[in-house]
Amino acid sequence: MIATDSKARALESKYGDDILGLSEEALDEFKTSYIKPDLQQKTRDTLGL
């Protein structure tokens, strides 16, 4: 994920590169709760399962 806001560069300059984004724990939760179920369903739909 990347920031597309016009203020992102200014925030990174002022607070450092780690100001934007998700922690590893939050990213894992996002993948598990949102990406994986959607990917599984789309795969089932494509395969007709």
N, C-alpha and C. Protein backbone atom coordinates (compact mmCIF):
# COMPACT_ATOMS: atom_id res chain seq x y z
N MET A 1 0.84 -1.17 0.00
CA MET A 1 0.00 0.00 0.00
C MET A 1 0.89 1.24 0.00
N ILE A 2 0.44 2.22 -0.69
CA ILE A 2 1.19 3.45 -0.77
C ILE A 2 0.27 4.63 -0.52
N ALA A 3 0.86 5.72 -0.11
CA ALA A 3 0.08 6.94 0.12
C ALA A 3 -0.01 7.72 -1.19
N THR A 4 -1.20 8.21 -1.48
CA THR A 4 -1.39 9.02 -2.69
C THR A 4 -1.80 10.44 -2.35
N ASP A 5 -1.91 10.73 -1.08
CA ASP A 5 -2.30 12.06 -0.63
C ASP A 5 -1.20 13.06 -0.97
N SER A 6 -1.59 14.27 -1.30
CA SER A 6 -0.61 15.30 -1.67
C SER A 6 0.30 15.69 -0.51
N LYS A 7 -0.11 15.41 0.70
CA LYS A 7 0.68 15.77 1.88
C LYS A 7 1.64 14.66 2.32
N ALA A 8 1.60 13.52 1.68
CA ALA A 8 2.38 12.36 2.11
C ALA A 8 3.88 12.67 2.16
N ARG A 9 4.42 13.29 1.14
CA ARG A 9 5.87 13.58 1.13
C ARG A 9 6.27 14.52 2.25
N ALA A 10 5.44 15.52 2.50
CA ALA A 10 5.73 16.46 3.58
C ALA A 10 5.71 15.74 4.93
N LEU A 11 4.75 14.86 5.13
CA LEU A 11 4.67 14.10 6.38
C LEU A 11 5.88 13.18 6.55
N GLU A 12 6.28 12.52 5.47
CA GLU A 12 7.46 11.65 5.52
C GLU A 12 8.72 12.45 5.81
N SER A 13 8.84 13.61 5.22
CA SER A 13 10.00 14.46 5.47
C SER A 13 10.06 14.91 6.92
N LYS A 14 8.92 15.26 7.45
CA LYS A 14 8.87 15.79 8.82
C LYS A 14 8.98 14.70 9.87
N TYR A 15 8.30 13.53 9.66
CA TYR A 15 8.21 12.50 10.69
C TYR A 15 8.95 11.21 10.38
N GLY A 16 9.48 11.07 9.18
CA GLY A 16 10.19 9.85 8.81
C GLY A 16 9.37 8.95 7.92
N ASP A 17 10.04 8.00 7.30
CA ASP A 17 9.39 7.11 6.34
C ASP A 17 8.35 6.19 6.95
N ASP A 18 8.46 5.91 8.24
CA ASP A 18 7.55 4.97 8.88
C ASP A 18 6.23 5.59 9.33
N ILE A 19 6.00 6.85 9.02
CA ILE A 19 4.78 7.52 9.46
C ILE A 19 3.54 6.98 8.75
N LEU A 20 3.71 6.51 7.54
CA LEU A 20 2.59 6.02 6.75
C LEU A 20 2.63 4.50 6.66
N GLY A 21 1.48 3.89 6.51
CA GLY A 21 1.40 2.45 6.33
C GLY A 21 0.86 1.76 7.57
N LEU A 22 0.98 0.45 7.57
CA LEU A 22 0.47 -0.39 8.65
C LEU A 22 1.63 -1.12 9.33
N SER A 23 1.44 -1.44 10.59
CA SER A 23 2.41 -2.28 11.28
C SER A 23 2.32 -3.68 10.68
N GLU A 24 3.32 -4.50 10.92
CA GLU A 24 3.30 -5.87 10.41
C GLU A 24 2.09 -6.64 10.96
N GLU A 25 1.78 -6.42 12.22
CA GLU A 25 0.63 -7.09 12.84
C GLU A 25 -0.68 -6.66 12.17
N ALA A 26 -0.84 -5.37 11.94
CA ALA A 26 -2.05 -4.87 11.29
C ALA A 26 -2.14 -5.34 9.84
N LEU A 27 -1.00 -5.40 9.16
CA LEU A 27 -0.98 -5.86 7.78
C LEU A 27 -1.36 -7.34 7.71
N ASP A 28 -0.86 -8.14 8.64
CA ASP A 28 -1.24 -9.56 8.68
C ASP A 28 -2.73 -9.72 8.93
N GLU A 29 -3.28 -8.93 9.84
CA GLU A 29 -4.72 -8.98 10.13
C GLU A 29 -5.52 -8.59 8.89
N PHE A 30 -5.09 -7.56 8.18
CA PHE A 30 -5.76 -7.11 6.96
C PHE A 30 -5.76 -8.23 5.91
N LYS A 31 -4.62 -8.87 5.73
CA LYS A 31 -4.53 -9.96 4.76
C LYS A 31 -5.46 -11.11 5.14
N THR A 32 -5.44 -11.49 6.42
CA THR A 32 -6.23 -12.61 6.89
C THR A 32 -7.73 -12.33 6.85
N SER A 33 -8.10 -11.13 7.24
CA SER A 33 -9.53 -10.80 7.36
C SER A 33 -10.18 -10.32 6.08
N TYR A 34 -9.41 -9.73 5.17
CA TYR A 34 -10.01 -9.13 3.98
C TYR A 34 -9.50 -9.74 2.67
N ILE A 35 -8.21 -9.81 2.50
CA ILE A 35 -7.66 -10.27 1.22
C ILE A 35 -7.91 -11.76 1.00
N LYS A 36 -7.58 -12.58 1.99
CA LYS A 36 -7.70 -14.03 1.84
C LYS A 36 -9.12 -14.48 1.55
N PRO A 37 -10.13 -14.04 2.32
CA PRO A 37 -11.50 -14.49 2.02
C PRO A 37 -11.97 -14.07 0.62
N ASP A 38 -11.65 -12.86 0.22
CA ASP A 38 -12.05 -12.40 -1.12
C ASP A 38 -11.35 -13.21 -2.20
N LEU A 39 -10.07 -13.47 -2.02
CA LEU A 39 -9.32 -14.26 -3.00
C LEU A 39 -9.86 -15.68 -3.07
N GLN A 40 -10.18 -16.27 -1.92
CA GLN A 40 -10.75 -17.61 -1.91
C GLN A 40 -12.09 -17.64 -2.65
N GLN A 41 -12.95 -16.67 -2.41
CA GLN A 41 -14.25 -16.64 -3.06
C GLN A 41 -14.11 -16.44 -4.57
N LYS A 42 -13.24 -15.56 -4.98
CA LYS A 42 -13.05 -15.33 -6.42
C LYS A 42 -12.48 -16.58 -7.10
N THR A 43 -11.60 -17.29 -6.39
CA THR A 43 -11.06 -18.52 -6.93
C THR A 43 -12.17 -19.57 -7.08
N ARG A 44 -13.01 -19.71 -6.07
CA ARG A 44 -14.14 -20.64 -6.14
C ARG A 44 -15.08 -20.29 -7.31
N ASP A 45 -15.36 -19.00 -7.44
CA ASP A 45 -16.25 -18.54 -8.52
C ASP A 45 -15.64 -18.86 -9.88
N THR A 46 -14.37 -18.63 -10.03
CA THR A 46 -13.69 -18.89 -11.31
C THR A 46 -13.67 -20.37 -11.63
N LEU A 47 -13.44 -21.20 -10.60
CA LEU A 47 -13.38 -22.63 -10.81
C LEU A 47 -14.75 -23.32 -10.80
N GLY A 48 -15.78 -22.55 -10.45
CA GLY A 48 -17.13 -23.09 -10.41
C GLY A 48 -17.36 -24.04 -9.24
N LEU A 49 -16.71 -23.77 -8.13
CA LEU A 49 -16.86 -24.64 -6.95
C LEU A 49 -17.93 -24.13 -6.01
